[in-house]
Amino acid sequence: MKKTTILFILIWVSSLLYAGDAVITNLSMLRYLKTDTNYSICGWVQNDSGSNILSFEIGWRLDNGTDNISPTINIGGIGLMPDGSYQVFTHPTPLYITTAGPHVIKVWVQATGDTVHSNDTIIYSFTALSTYVSKINLFEEYSGTWCSACPYGNSTTAKIAALPSAAVASFHCDDDYSFANGQAYYEAYYPGGLVITPGGMINMSESGAYAVNNNPQSWLDDMNARAGSVSPVSIAISHNLNSFTRQMNVTLTANFKYAESGNYYFNLYILEDGIVTSQAGVTGPYTLNHVVRTMLGGYSGTSGIIPASPVAGANYICTYSFTIPAEWNLWELELIGLVFRIDNGLSDALNTVKYSYEHTGIEEEASSNGFRIYPNPVSNYISCIVPEKSVIDISDAQGKTIKIIEDARTKITIDISDFSEGVYYITANSEKGMLRKKIIKE
C-alpha cells in the first residue's frame, strides 16, 4: 500500500515538473511574400506555465496542404524557465509559394506535457505577390529620459536606423518629449495596460504577428530578418519647408501594384534628431535621435483617401501642412510617411518613406539645382552662388537666424568673420522653393 502511494505521488510530482504551456509569440511571418521564393518560418516559443519546458516540436501547414513537423527541439539544461523566457526557432522546412494571391498558414507548437491547447497555434493570413516594390520597415521604439534601461534600447535603434530598409521612430512617455497622441498610440500596443520601457514594435504589429518586444537584444536581428521584404504599395514624399515662416507642406503619394480590399490609412511623423538632454543611466549630457514630435495624421491616421477597394496603378494623394514650433531645430528634423491598414483591430504598416533634412539628399539636391557654397570649411568670407533671386538665411545649429541677405542674385560674398566656430546652415529661399547647405566655421 505504501509503495502504491509513493508511486502515485511520484507520478503526480513528475506531472507538475514537466507540465508546461508553450506559446508561439512573435512569428516572423511577413504580410506579403514573393512567389517562387524560399522563406524560413521563424519565431519564439515562450513558457507561460509554472513549470519548465524541456523540449517541443514546431509544425506548419499552408492552406489545406501537408503538415510539416520539425524534429524535437531539445532546449538543454533545466529547459525553458516559467518566467516568460523564450526559445527562438527556425523550422527546417522552408515555405515556398507558387501561386500569387491570398494564403493562410497555420503554425503550432507541441510541447511535452502541455495540456493547454487554446494558445498553441497561430493562424496567419498573408498574400503572395508576383508584382511588388521594395519595403522600408517601420521600427517604433518606446522610451523615456527617466528610464535607466532605455540607453541600451537607444543604442540598438541607432544601429537599426543605419539599415537602408528601416525607418526608426522613437516615442517618448512621461517626459519633456512625450505628447498625448503619441503616448496613447504606443501604449495601445501593450495588452492589459502593463507598459514596459524600452519597448520595440515592428510594422505596427504586422497584423498581430509581432507582439510588443521589451528585449532590445533581439530588435536588430528581427529587423535584419525583414531586409529584402516587399510591399504591394509604393509611397513617395514631396515637401517644402520655409525657414522664415517655419511652414512645412508635405505630400504623400501611394500607388498600389497589387490591390486588395482593406481599411487603409496614411500618417506622417515629424521627428527631431540631436536633442541634448539628461538621461537616467547616463552621466553627463545625452543626445536623443529620431524623437517623434507629432503625428500629423493623429492617433488613428488619415482615413478616407485610399478606398476600401483600391485600384492597381492609381495614385492616392494625402497632403499635410504644419507650422514647426520655434523650439524645434529645423535642420535636425526627419519625416516618416506611411501607409498602413487595420483589419479586425490589428494594424500593419504596408510601406514607409523617410526623409531627413540633415542626413539625406539635401546637399545633393542643392548642388543639382545650381546652389553652391565655397570654401567649406570657412574662416572669414564665403562665396554663395544661387540659381535665381533668393533670400539667404544663415542660422546656427539650433536653428536661430544669425544673418539675412535680402534679394541675393547670382554670386555674392558673405562676411562671417565675426561668427563663432561651429556649424551653420545657409538657406536660399526663392519662388521655386528652398535650398540648403551646411557650413563649418573654423
Protein backbone atom coordinates (compact mmCIF):
# COMPACT_ATOMS: atom_id res chain seq x y z
CA MET A 1 0.00 0.00 0.00
CA LYS A 2 2.84 2.32 0.89
CA LYS A 3 4.64 1.53 -2.37
CA THR A 4 1.49 2.27 -4.36
CA THR A 5 1.01 5.58 -2.57
CA ILE A 6 4.63 6.58 -3.13
CA LEU A 7 4.41 5.66 -6.82
CA PHE A 8 1.24 7.76 -7.20
CA ILE A 9 2.93 10.72 -5.52
CA LEU A 10 5.98 10.42 -7.78
CA ILE A 11 3.81 10.36 -10.89
CA TRP A 12 1.84 13.38 -9.65
CA VAL A 13 5.01 15.37 -8.82
CA SER A 14 6.51 14.43 -12.19
CA SER A 15 3.44 15.76 -13.97
CA LEU A 16 3.84 19.06 -12.09
CA LEU A 17 7.51 19.31 -13.02
CA TYR A 18 7.04 18.63 -16.71
CA ALA A 19 3.61 20.05 -17.43
CA GLY A 20 4.05 23.18 -19.49
CA ASP A 21 2.23 25.75 -21.51
CA ALA A 22 4.18 26.56 -24.66
CA VAL A 23 3.01 29.56 -26.69
CA ILE A 24 4.24 30.82 -30.06
CA THR A 25 4.89 34.56 -29.99
CA ASN A 26 6.45 36.95 -32.48
CA LEU A 27 6.10 34.70 -35.50
CA SER A 28 8.45 36.19 -38.11
CA MET A 29 5.90 35.90 -40.87
CA LEU A 30 5.52 38.82 -43.25
CA ARG A 31 2.20 40.07 -44.58
CA TYR A 32 3.49 39.96 -48.16
CA LEU A 33 5.85 37.39 -49.66
CA LYS A 34 7.27 36.91 -53.13
CA THR A 35 6.20 33.95 -55.21
CA ASP A 36 8.77 31.31 -56.17
CA THR A 37 10.99 32.16 -53.20
CA ASN A 38 12.03 30.14 -50.14
CA TYR A 39 11.08 31.64 -46.76
CA SER A 40 12.16 30.41 -43.34
CA ILE A 41 9.44 30.07 -40.73
CA CYS A 42 10.86 31.56 -37.53
CA GLY A 43 9.51 32.73 -34.22
CA TRP A 44 9.64 32.41 -30.47
CA VAL A 45 8.28 29.75 -28.16
CA GLN A 46 7.51 31.25 -24.75
CA ASN A 47 6.81 29.41 -21.49
CA ASP A 48 3.57 30.67 -19.96
CA SER A 49 3.25 27.88 -17.41
CA GLY A 50 4.54 27.37 -13.88
CA SER A 51 6.92 24.56 -14.89
CA ASN A 52 10.00 24.22 -17.06
CA ILE A 53 9.66 23.12 -20.69
CA LEU A 54 12.38 20.72 -21.81
CA SER A 55 11.53 20.19 -25.47
CA PHE A 56 9.00 20.98 -28.17
CA GLU A 57 8.20 20.48 -31.85
CA ILE A 58 7.00 23.02 -34.42
CA GLY A 59 4.51 22.23 -37.16
CA TRP A 60 3.15 24.25 -40.06
CA ARG A 61 0.64 23.83 -42.84
CA LEU A 62 -0.02 26.06 -45.88
CA ASP A 63 -3.69 26.41 -46.78
CA ASN A 64 -5.05 22.84 -46.71
CA GLY A 65 -1.76 21.19 -47.63
CA THR A 66 0.66 18.83 -45.92
CA ASP A 67 1.67 19.05 -42.26
CA ASN A 68 5.38 19.78 -41.79
CA ILE A 69 6.54 18.69 -38.32
CA SER A 70 10.03 19.57 -37.11
CA PRO A 71 12.31 17.15 -35.27
CA THR A 72 12.15 17.52 -31.50
CA ILE A 73 13.90 20.66 -30.31
CA ASN A 74 15.67 19.90 -27.01
CA ILE A 75 16.39 23.04 -25.01
CA GLY A 76 19.02 21.53 -22.73
CA GLY A 77 19.94 22.23 -19.15
CA ILE A 78 16.92 22.94 -16.98
CA GLY A 79 14.87 23.82 -20.05
CA LEU A 80 12.75 26.85 -20.73
CA MET A 81 12.06 28.63 -17.45
CA PRO A 82 8.48 29.55 -16.39
CA ASP A 83 9.23 33.28 -16.21
CA GLY A 84 8.28 34.36 -19.70
CA SER A 85 11.56 33.06 -21.10
CA TYR A 86 11.57 32.21 -24.77
CA GLN A 87 13.36 30.00 -27.26
CA VAL A 88 13.93 31.11 -30.87
CA PHE A 89 13.11 28.53 -33.52
CA THR A 90 13.58 28.16 -37.27
CA HIS A 91 11.65 25.35 -38.92
CA PRO A 92 13.91 23.19 -41.13
CA THR A 93 11.36 23.08 -43.96
CA PRO A 94 11.12 26.41 -45.80
CA LEU A 95 7.89 27.87 -47.15
CA TYR A 96 7.71 28.09 -50.95
CA ILE A 97 4.68 29.65 -52.66
CA THR A 98 3.99 29.24 -56.36
CA THR A 99 0.59 30.96 -56.61
CA ALA A 100 0.05 34.70 -56.22
CA GLY A 101 -2.82 35.88 -54.07
CA PRO A 102 -4.10 35.30 -50.51
CA HIS A 103 -2.96 32.32 -48.45
CA VAL A 104 -3.32 31.05 -44.89
CA ILE A 105 -0.58 29.37 -42.88
CA LYS A 106 -1.10 27.53 -39.61
CA VAL A 107 1.89 27.26 -37.23
CA TRP A 108 1.74 25.37 -33.95
CA VAL A 109 3.91 24.15 -31.09
CA GLN A 110 3.78 20.72 -29.43
CA ALA A 111 5.48 20.63 -26.03
CA THR A 112 5.91 17.66 -23.68
CA GLY A 113 3.19 17.75 -21.04
CA ASP A 114 1.42 20.80 -22.48
CA THR A 115 -2.24 20.44 -21.54
CA VAL A 116 -3.33 23.94 -22.54
CA HIS A 117 -4.02 23.86 -26.26
CA SER A 118 -6.01 27.06 -26.73
CA ASN A 119 -2.81 29.07 -27.31
CA ASP A 120 -0.66 26.54 -29.17
CA THR A 121 -1.48 27.76 -32.67
CA ILE A 122 -1.16 30.88 -34.81
CA ILE A 123 -3.24 31.08 -37.96
CA TYR A 124 -1.84 33.83 -40.18
CA SER A 125 -3.15 35.23 -43.44
CA PHE A 126 -0.70 36.61 -45.99
CA THR A 127 -0.55 37.47 -49.67
CA ALA A 128 1.96 36.19 -52.21
CA LEU A 129 2.98 38.79 -54.81
CA SER A 130 4.37 38.42 -58.28
CA THR A 131 4.34 42.25 -58.73
CA TYR A 132 5.72 44.30 -55.86
CA VAL A 133 8.02 47.08 -54.65
CA SER A 134 10.75 47.05 -52.01
CA LYS A 135 9.63 47.82 -48.47
CA ILE A 136 11.07 50.09 -45.81
CA ASN A 137 10.12 48.51 -42.49
CA LEU A 138 8.91 50.71 -39.65
CA PHE A 139 10.51 50.30 -36.22
CA GLU A 140 8.81 52.14 -33.36
CA GLU A 141 10.56 52.43 -30.00
CA TYR A 142 9.05 53.42 -26.65
CA SER A 143 11.47 55.28 -24.42
CA GLY A 144 11.82 57.93 -21.70
CA THR A 145 14.54 60.12 -20.26
CA TRP A 146 13.65 58.77 -16.79
CA CYS A 147 14.24 55.17 -17.92
CA SER A 148 17.70 53.88 -16.94
CA ALA A 149 17.39 50.88 -19.25
CA CYS A 150 16.48 52.97 -22.31
CA PRO A 151 20.02 53.97 -23.37
CA TYR A 152 20.56 50.31 -24.27
CA GLY A 153 17.42 50.40 -26.40
CA ASN A 154 18.51 53.68 -27.98
CA SER A 155 21.90 52.25 -28.94
CA THR A 156 20.10 49.41 -30.72
CA THR A 157 17.76 51.74 -32.59
CA ALA A 158 20.81 53.70 -33.78
CA LYS A 159 22.02 50.51 -35.48
CA ILE A 160 18.57 49.86 -36.93
CA ALA A 161 18.37 53.42 -38.27
CA ALA A 162 21.51 52.76 -40.32
CA LEU A 163 19.75 49.98 -42.26
CA PRO A 164 18.56 51.11 -45.72
CA SER A 165 15.42 49.01 -45.27
CA ALA A 166 14.43 50.60 -41.94
CA ALA A 167 12.78 53.77 -40.62
CA VAL A 168 13.02 54.44 -36.88
CA ALA A 169 10.54 56.42 -34.77
CA SER A 170 11.14 56.88 -31.04
CA PHE A 171 8.04 57.69 -28.99
CA HIS A 172 8.62 59.09 -25.51
CA CYS A 173 6.44 58.71 -22.44
CA ASP A 174 6.09 60.87 -19.34
CA ASP A 175 8.96 63.26 -20.14
CA ASP A 176 9.55 66.56 -21.93
CA TYR A 177 9.36 64.91 -25.36
CA SER A 178 6.11 62.97 -24.99
CA PHE A 179 2.78 64.14 -26.38
CA ALA A 180 -0.69 62.83 -25.64
CA ASN A 181 -1.49 61.28 -29.03
CA GLY A 182 1.90 59.62 -29.34
CA GLN A 183 1.82 58.18 -25.85
CA ALA A 184 -1.71 56.83 -26.23
CA TYR A 185 -0.85 55.43 -29.66
CA TYR A 186 2.14 53.44 -28.46
CA GLU A 187 0.61 52.24 -25.21
CA ALA A 188 -2.21 50.64 -27.21
CA TYR A 189 0.39 48.04 -28.27
CA TYR A 190 0.60 46.78 -24.69
CA PRO A 191 -2.19 44.33 -23.81
CA GLY A 192 -3.67 44.77 -20.38
CA GLY A 193 -2.07 48.14 -19.83
CA LEU A 194 1.26 46.82 -18.47
CA VAL A 195 3.65 49.29 -20.10
CA ILE A 196 7.38 48.47 -20.01
CA THR A 197 10.20 50.56 -21.46
CA PRO A 198 12.17 50.23 -23.59
CA GLY A 199 9.70 48.67 -25.99
CA GLY A 200 10.04 47.77 -29.66
CA MET A 201 7.37 47.34 -32.33
CA ILE A 202 7.84 46.37 -35.98
CA ASN A 203 5.45 47.45 -38.72
CA MET A 204 2.71 48.33 -36.23
CA SER A 205 2.48 44.66 -35.05
CA GLU A 206 2.22 43.10 -38.53
CA SER A 207 -1.45 42.28 -38.06
CA GLY A 208 -0.81 40.81 -34.63
CA ALA A 209 2.08 38.51 -35.54
CA TYR A 210 4.66 40.66 -33.70
CA ALA A 211 3.90 41.41 -30.05
CA VAL A 212 5.48 44.44 -28.39
CA ASN A 213 9.06 43.42 -27.63
CA ASN A 214 10.86 44.59 -24.47
CA ASN A 215 14.11 42.81 -25.30
CA PRO A 216 16.36 45.19 -27.33
CA GLN A 217 18.86 42.38 -27.82
CA SER A 218 16.58 40.87 -30.47
CA TRP A 219 15.49 44.07 -32.24
CA LEU A 220 18.31 44.29 -34.74
CA ASP A 221 18.06 40.61 -35.70
CA ASP A 222 14.30 40.96 -36.15
CA MET A 223 14.77 43.93 -38.46
CA ASN A 224 17.58 42.27 -40.41
CA ALA A 225 15.26 39.31 -40.94
CA ARG A 226 12.92 41.69 -42.78
CA ALA A 227 15.56 43.09 -45.13
CA GLY A 228 14.51 42.45 -48.71
CA SER A 229 10.82 42.33 -47.83
CA VAL A 230 8.26 43.56 -50.34
CA SER A 231 5.05 45.53 -50.42
CA PRO A 232 2.07 45.86 -52.78
CA VAL A 233 2.15 49.66 -52.47
CA SER A 234 4.81 52.29 -53.11
CA ILE A 235 4.85 55.54 -51.17
CA ALA A 236 6.60 58.73 -52.26
CA ILE A 237 7.12 62.01 -50.44
CA SER A 238 7.46 65.61 -51.62
CA HIS A 239 7.84 68.53 -49.26
CA ASN A 240 8.56 72.21 -48.86
CA LEU A 241 9.86 73.95 -45.75
CA ASN A 242 10.04 77.73 -45.44
CA SER A 243 12.76 78.57 -42.93
CA PHE A 244 11.30 82.04 -42.26
CA THR A 245 7.67 81.14 -41.56
CA ARG A 246 8.61 77.60 -40.46
CA GLN A 247 5.70 76.37 -42.54
CA MET A 248 6.03 72.77 -43.75
CA ASN A 249 3.94 71.29 -46.56
CA VAL A 250 4.20 67.58 -47.28
CA THR A 251 2.53 65.39 -49.89
CA LEU A 252 2.43 61.59 -49.67
CA THR A 253 1.54 59.58 -52.79
CA ALA A 254 0.59 55.90 -52.61
CA ASN A 255 0.43 53.68 -55.68
CA PHE A 256 -0.75 50.07 -55.49
CA LYS A 257 0.97 47.40 -57.59
CA TYR A 258 -1.39 44.76 -56.24
CA ALA A 259 -4.76 45.79 -54.86
CA GLU A 260 -6.86 44.01 -52.29
CA SER A 261 -9.71 45.18 -50.12
CA GLY A 262 -8.97 46.60 -46.68
CA ASN A 263 -9.10 49.64 -44.43
CA TYR A 264 -6.22 51.89 -45.45
CA TYR A 265 -4.71 54.95 -43.76
CA PHE A 266 -1.92 57.48 -44.18
CA ASN A 267 0.15 59.08 -41.44
CA LEU A 268 3.11 61.44 -41.24
CA TYR A 269 5.51 61.59 -38.31
CA ILE A 270 7.74 64.60 -37.72
CA LEU A 271 10.83 63.65 -35.73
CA GLU A 272 13.80 65.53 -34.34
CA ASP A 273 17.42 64.44 -34.03
CA GLY A 274 20.22 65.87 -31.93
CA ILE A 275 18.22 66.69 -28.80
CA VAL A 276 20.73 67.15 -25.98
CA THR A 277 19.26 66.40 -22.57
CA SER A 278 19.84 64.44 -19.36
CA GLN A 279 19.11 60.72 -19.33
CA ALA A 280 18.73 58.28 -16.45
CA GLY A 281 21.52 55.72 -16.51
CA VAL A 282 23.96 58.10 -18.23
CA THR A 283 26.43 60.55 -16.72
CA GLY A 284 26.55 63.95 -18.41
CA PRO A 285 24.68 65.26 -21.49
CA TYR A 286 22.89 62.71 -23.64
CA THR A 287 21.73 63.02 -27.27
CA LEU A 288 18.34 61.72 -28.36
CA ASN A 289 17.62 60.94 -32.02
CA HIS A 290 14.51 60.01 -34.04
CA VAL A 291 12.23 61.51 -31.39
CA VAL A 292 8.63 61.70 -32.64
CA ARG A 293 7.42 65.25 -32.09
CA THR A 294 4.00 64.93 -33.67
CA MET A 295 1.82 62.69 -35.82
CA LEU A 296 0.07 64.82 -38.43
CA GLY A 297 -2.45 62.05 -39.01
CA GLY A 298 -3.13 61.93 -35.29
CA TYR A 299 -3.55 58.84 -33.17
CA SER A 300 -5.62 56.97 -35.77
CA GLY A 301 -4.07 58.12 -39.06
CA THR A 302 -5.77 59.79 -42.02
CA SER A 303 -8.66 57.81 -43.50
CA GLY A 304 -10.95 58.34 -46.46
CA ILE A 305 -8.27 58.90 -49.13
CA ILE A 306 -7.47 55.31 -50.09
CA PRO A 307 -10.75 53.49 -50.82
CA ALA A 308 -11.57 50.12 -49.30
CA SER A 309 -11.01 48.60 -52.75
CA PRO A 310 -8.03 50.49 -54.23
CA VAL A 311 -7.27 50.33 -57.93
CA ALA A 312 -3.89 48.99 -59.03
CA GLY A 313 -1.88 51.71 -60.76
CA ALA A 314 -3.92 54.62 -59.35
CA ASN A 315 -2.28 57.35 -57.25
CA TYR A 316 -3.78 58.25 -53.88
CA ILE A 317 -2.54 61.56 -52.50
CA CYS A 318 -2.53 62.88 -48.95
CA THR A 319 -1.30 66.39 -48.05
CA TYR A 320 -0.31 67.82 -44.66
CA SER A 321 0.56 71.35 -43.56
CA PHE A 322 2.18 72.22 -40.26
CA THR A 323 3.99 75.13 -38.64
CA ILE A 324 7.15 73.94 -36.89
CA PRO A 325 7.31 75.20 -33.28
CA ALA A 326 10.14 77.63 -32.53
CA GLU A 327 11.87 75.27 -30.10
CA TRP A 328 12.35 72.53 -32.71
CA ASN A 329 15.58 72.62 -34.74
CA LEU A 330 14.59 72.89 -38.39
CA TRP A 331 17.76 71.26 -39.64
CA GLU A 332 17.52 68.24 -37.39
CA LEU A 333 14.03 67.23 -38.48
CA GLU A 334 13.08 63.93 -40.07
CA LEU A 335 9.90 62.87 -41.82
CA ILE A 336 8.37 59.40 -41.86
CA GLY A 337 5.38 58.87 -44.11
CA LEU A 338 3.49 55.61 -44.08
CA VAL A 339 0.57 53.68 -45.48
CA PHE A 340 -0.99 51.16 -43.14
CA ARG A 341 -4.10 49.03 -42.90
CA ILE A 342 -6.29 47.97 -40.00
CA ASP A 343 -8.29 44.76 -40.14
CA ASN A 344 -10.15 43.28 -37.17
CA GLY A 345 -8.49 45.84 -34.93
CA LEU A 346 -4.96 44.79 -35.94
CA SER A 347 -2.57 47.13 -37.75
CA ASP A 348 0.11 46.53 -40.35
CA ALA A 349 2.44 49.15 -41.84
CA LEU A 350 2.48 48.29 -45.54
CA ASN A 351 5.25 50.66 -46.57
CA THR A 352 7.20 53.63 -45.29
CA VAL A 353 9.11 56.55 -46.75
CA LYS A 354 11.68 58.55 -44.80
CA TYR A 355 13.40 61.88 -45.29
CA SER A 356 15.99 63.65 -43.15
CA TYR A 357 16.70 67.33 -43.61
CA GLU A 358 20.20 66.79 -42.28
CA HIS A 359 21.23 63.37 -43.45
CA THR A 360 19.67 62.53 -46.81
CA GLY A 361 19.90 64.29 -50.07
CA ILE A 362 19.69 67.98 -49.08
CA GLU A 363 23.13 68.97 -50.25
CA GLU A 364 22.94 66.80 -53.35
CA GLU A 365 19.59 68.37 -54.17
CA ALA A 366 21.04 71.81 -53.63
CA SER A 367 24.03 71.12 -55.87
CA SER A 368 21.86 69.72 -58.64
CA ASN A 369 19.81 72.92 -58.59
CA GLY A 370 22.84 75.19 -59.02
CA PHE A 371 23.24 76.22 -55.37
CA ARG A 372 26.94 76.30 -54.47
CA ILE A 373 28.89 77.47 -51.44
CA TYR A 374 32.68 77.63 -51.08
CA PRO A 375 35.08 77.31 -49.36
CA ASN A 376 33.79 74.91 -46.75
CA PRO A 377 35.09 74.84 -44.01
CA VAL A 378 35.43 78.62 -43.98
CA SER A 379 37.31 81.15 -41.87
CA ASN A 380 36.17 84.66 -42.86
CA TYR A 381 34.39 85.00 -46.21
CA ILE A 382 32.20 82.57 -48.09
CA SER A 383 31.04 82.74 -51.69
CA CYS A 384 27.44 81.79 -52.41
CA ILE A 385 26.02 81.06 -55.87
CA VAL A 386 22.24 80.96 -56.22
CA PRO A 387 20.37 79.98 -59.42
CA GLU A 388 17.80 82.78 -59.12
CA LYS A 389 16.73 85.70 -56.97
CA SER A 390 16.66 84.46 -53.38
CA VAL A 391 16.55 85.48 -49.76
CA ILE A 392 19.50 83.95 -47.92
CA ASP A 393 19.18 82.98 -44.29
CA ILE A 394 22.14 81.93 -42.13
CA SER A 395 21.22 80.08 -38.94
CA ASP A 396 23.16 78.36 -36.20
CA ALA A 397 22.98 74.67 -35.22
CA GLN A 398 19.92 75.36 -33.05
CA GLY A 399 18.02 76.93 -35.96
CA LYS A 400 18.37 80.55 -34.74
CA THR A 401 18.76 83.05 -37.59
CA ILE A 402 22.10 84.91 -37.41
CA LYS A 403 22.09 86.87 -40.67
CA ILE A 404 19.67 87.54 -43.55
CA ILE A 405 20.63 88.73 -47.03
CA GLU A 406 17.68 90.07 -48.99
CA ASP A 407 17.44 90.00 -52.78
CA ALA A 408 20.54 87.82 -53.33
CA ARG A 409 21.34 87.25 -57.00
CA THR A 410 23.82 85.04 -58.85
CA LYS A 411 27.06 85.21 -56.80
CA ILE A 412 27.61 87.06 -53.53
CA THR A 413 30.32 87.10 -50.88
CA ILE A 414 29.26 86.92 -47.24
CA ASP A 415 31.41 88.05 -44.32
CA ILE A 416 31.16 85.62 -41.40
CA SER A 417 34.41 86.58 -39.69
CA ASP A 418 32.56 87.56 -36.52
CA PHE A 419 30.80 84.20 -36.24
CA SER A 420 31.89 81.79 -33.52
CA GLU A 421 33.41 78.49 -34.57
CA GLY A 422 30.86 75.76 -35.23
CA VAL A 423 28.16 74.51 -37.59
CA TYR A 424 25.86 76.88 -39.52
CA TYR A 425 23.21 76.45 -42.20
CA ILE A 426 22.81 78.63 -45.27
CA THR A 427 19.35 78.57 -46.79
CA ALA A 428 18.30 80.12 -50.10
CA ASN A 429 14.55 80.73 -50.33
CA SER A 430 13.09 81.57 -53.74
CA GLU A 431 9.76 81.31 -55.50
CA LYS A 432 10.67 77.77 -56.54
CA GLY A 433 11.34 76.58 -53.00
CA MET A 434 14.16 76.16 -50.53
CA LEU A 435 17.78 75.01 -50.93
CA ARG A 436 20.13 74.49 -48.00
CA LYS A 437 23.76 73.71 -47.21
CA LYS A 438 25.68 73.14 -44.03
CA ILE A 439 28.97 75.00 -43.45
CA ILE A 440 31.62 74.75 -40.79
CA LYS A 441 33.17 77.95 -39.42
CA GLU A 442 36.77 77.43 -38.30
